Amino acid sequence: MPNEEYITSPKEMRASEEYLPYALDTTQDLSHSDVNRTPMARLVLPVVAYMFPPISKSTMEDDMEKKFNRLARTWKAETGMLSRLDEKYMHVAYQQIIGMGEAAIPFILRDLKETRGHWLWALRAIAGESPVPQKNAGNLSKVIEAWLEWGRKRGYVI
């Protein structure tokens, strides 16, 4: 029978033979309320809690903003001299910003408002829509204003 003490650090976690049968038992029903009493739960849950402590929403937002700022600086520095928009949009940092998904939208909108930068492609890719009426498609000022209004209506801080 495995030791029923909680594991409090990764150093204490070991792949020993005494835990193996519990780790391989996929027939055990863990859906009931006594999940913490199962041998596997006593092994895994404390480790998960130790390795992944709760993170506040503001901490996550700060981390995302730092990531966005770092990627945006890299993208601007490495593509500022390029004249072809497709080369700017295909830059790895720009693509990583798109990969941040909806979390990047407030930062993109803020930068769009402040610098009028080339963020329209990213916004369209992330949002999956365009708020720009066809008649305004060639007017950069109206396109930017349409995106900023879109962001305000959806509650993004701009």
Protein backbone atom coordinates (compact mmCIF):
# COMPACT_ATOMS: atom_id res chain seq x y z
CA MET A 1 0.00 0.00 0.00
CA PRO A 2 1.43 3.44 -0.87
CA ASN A 3 2.30 5.97 1.76
CA GLU A 4 -0.71 8.27 2.18
CA GLU A 5 1.27 11.46 2.96
CA TYR A 6 0.84 14.41 0.66
CA ILE A 7 3.66 15.25 -1.66
CA THR A 8 4.72 18.83 -1.05
CA SER A 9 7.52 19.28 -3.57
CA PRO A 10 8.61 17.84 -6.89
CA LYS A 11 11.65 16.34 -5.16
CA GLU A 12 9.31 14.15 -3.15
CA MET A 13 7.56 12.89 -6.25
CA ARG A 14 9.12 9.70 -7.43
CA ALA A 15 8.13 7.05 -9.91
CA SER A 16 8.33 4.15 -7.53
CA GLU A 17 6.80 0.74 -7.95
CA GLU A 18 4.40 1.34 -5.07
CA TYR A 19 2.60 4.12 -7.03
CA LEU A 20 2.65 2.43 -10.44
CA PRO A 21 -0.44 0.23 -10.00
CA TYR A 22 -2.51 3.27 -9.00
CA ALA A 23 -1.25 5.35 -11.89
CA LEU A 24 -2.13 2.63 -14.39
CA ASP A 25 -5.61 1.86 -13.01
CA THR A 26 -7.89 3.53 -15.56
CA THR A 27 -10.97 1.61 -14.44
CA GLN A 28 -11.32 3.49 -11.18
CA ASP A 29 -14.28 5.90 -11.15
CA LEU A 30 -13.04 9.30 -10.02
CA SER A 31 -16.30 11.16 -10.71
CA HIS A 32 -17.70 10.81 -7.19
CA SER A 33 -17.20 13.32 -4.37
CA ASP A 34 -14.67 11.15 -2.58
CA VAL A 35 -12.07 11.70 -5.30
CA ASN A 36 -9.54 12.97 -2.75
CA ARG A 37 -9.66 9.61 -0.98
CA THR A 38 -8.46 7.62 -3.97
CA PRO A 39 -4.78 6.64 -3.96
CA MET A 40 -4.12 8.33 -7.31
CA ALA A 41 -5.76 11.57 -6.19
CA ARG A 42 -3.72 11.58 -2.99
CA LEU A 43 -0.63 11.31 -5.19
CA VAL A 44 -1.48 13.70 -8.01
CA LEU A 45 -3.64 16.49 -6.59
CA PRO A 46 -1.06 17.87 -4.13
CA VAL A 47 1.61 17.84 -6.84
CA VAL A 48 -0.66 19.67 -9.28
CA ALA A 49 -1.52 22.24 -6.61
CA TYR A 50 2.18 22.72 -5.86
CA MET A 51 3.27 22.96 -9.49
CA PHE A 52 0.37 25.14 -10.62
CA PRO A 53 -0.55 27.54 -7.83
CA PRO A 54 -3.58 29.77 -8.36
CA ILE A 55 -2.85 32.82 -10.49
CA SER A 56 -4.86 35.99 -10.19
CA LYS A 57 -6.56 37.45 -13.25
CA SER A 58 -4.54 40.67 -12.92
CA THR A 59 -1.27 38.70 -12.87
CA MET A 60 -2.28 36.86 -16.03
CA GLU A 61 -3.25 40.14 -17.73
CA ASP A 62 0.07 41.71 -16.71
CA ASP A 63 1.94 38.72 -18.12
CA MET A 64 -0.01 38.91 -21.37
CA GLU A 65 0.64 42.64 -21.67
CA LYS A 66 4.37 42.10 -21.12
CA LYS A 67 4.40 39.35 -23.72
CA PHE A 68 2.51 41.54 -26.19
CA ASN A 69 4.83 44.50 -25.59
CA ARG A 70 7.93 42.34 -26.06
CA LEU A 71 6.61 40.78 -29.26
CA ALA A 72 5.39 44.13 -30.63
CA ARG A 73 8.79 45.74 -29.98
CA THR A 74 10.53 42.87 -31.75
CA TRP A 75 8.12 42.99 -34.67
CA LYS A 76 8.41 46.75 -35.11
CA ALA A 77 12.21 46.69 -34.83
CA GLU A 78 12.62 43.86 -37.33
CA THR A 79 10.00 44.94 -39.87
CA GLY A 80 9.99 48.73 -39.69
CA MET A 81 12.10 49.01 -42.83
CA LEU A 82 9.99 46.57 -44.86
CA SER A 83 7.61 47.99 -47.45
CA ARG A 84 5.73 44.76 -48.23
CA LEU A 85 2.86 44.23 -45.82
CA ASP A 86 2.82 40.47 -46.37
CA GLU A 87 6.39 40.31 -45.04
CA LYS A 88 5.38 42.35 -42.00
CA TYR A 89 2.33 40.16 -41.34
CA MET A 90 4.21 36.90 -41.73
CA HIS A 91 6.93 37.87 -39.23
CA VAL A 92 7.13 35.36 -36.39
CA ALA A 93 6.47 37.95 -33.64
CA TYR A 94 3.34 39.23 -35.42
CA GLN A 95 2.12 35.66 -35.83
CA GLN A 96 2.77 34.98 -32.14
CA ILE A 97 0.67 38.02 -31.26
CA ILE A 98 -2.15 36.62 -33.37
CA GLY A 99 -1.59 33.33 -31.57
CA MET A 100 -2.29 35.06 -28.25
CA GLY A 101 -5.89 35.23 -29.42
CA GLU A 102 -8.52 37.40 -27.83
CA ALA A 103 -6.21 38.29 -24.93
CA ALA A 104 -4.16 40.42 -27.34
CA ILE A 105 -7.08 42.53 -28.58
CA PRO A 106 -6.99 45.25 -25.88
CA PHE A 107 -3.25 45.74 -26.41
CA ILE A 108 -3.58 45.78 -30.19
CA LEU A 109 -6.40 48.32 -30.02
CA ARG A 110 -4.41 50.52 -27.66
CA ASP A 111 -1.39 50.43 -29.95
CA LEU A 112 -3.59 51.03 -33.00
CA LYS A 113 -5.04 54.11 -31.33
CA GLU A 114 -1.62 55.44 -30.27
CA THR A 115 0.51 54.61 -33.31
CA ARG A 116 -1.95 53.83 -36.11
CA GLY A 117 0.26 50.80 -36.77
CA HIS A 118 -0.34 47.80 -39.02
CA TRP A 119 -2.66 45.88 -36.71
CA LEU A 120 -5.71 45.49 -38.96
CA TRP A 121 -4.64 42.08 -40.27
CA ALA A 122 -4.16 40.76 -36.73
CA LEU A 123 -7.49 42.15 -35.53
CA ARG A 124 -9.34 40.56 -38.44
CA ALA A 125 -7.56 37.23 -37.86
CA ILE A 126 -8.31 37.17 -34.13
CA ALA A 127 -11.85 38.59 -34.23
CA GLY A 128 -12.92 36.58 -37.24
CA GLU A 129 -14.87 39.55 -38.51
CA SER A 130 -14.45 43.09 -39.76
CA PRO A 131 -16.53 45.99 -38.48
CA VAL A 132 -15.49 48.15 -41.44
CA PRO A 133 -18.28 49.00 -43.91
CA GLN A 134 -17.28 48.27 -47.51
CA LYS A 135 -17.60 51.95 -48.43
CA ASN A 136 -14.84 52.83 -45.90
CA ALA A 137 -12.45 50.03 -46.87
CA GLY A 138 -9.89 52.35 -48.47
CA ASN A 139 -9.99 55.09 -45.84
CA LEU A 140 -7.42 54.25 -43.15
CA SER A 141 -8.78 56.78 -40.63
CA LYS A 142 -12.31 55.38 -40.94
CA VAL A 143 -11.05 51.79 -40.81
CA ILE A 144 -9.13 52.48 -37.60
CA GLU A 145 -12.09 54.31 -36.07
CA ALA A 146 -14.38 51.40 -36.95
CA TRP A 147 -12.07 48.97 -35.14
CA LEU A 148 -11.76 51.24 -32.12
CA GLU A 149 -15.54 51.59 -31.95
CA TRP A 150 -15.86 47.81 -32.30
CA GLY A 151 -13.52 47.42 -29.32
CA ARG A 152 -15.41 49.95 -27.21
CA LYS A 153 -18.73 48.19 -27.88
CA ARG A 154 -17.24 44.88 -26.75
CA GLY A 155 -15.77 46.28 -23.56
CA TYR A 156 -12.11 46.31 -24.47
CA VAL A 157 -10.33 49.08 -22.62
CA ILE A 158 -8.88 51.48 -25.17
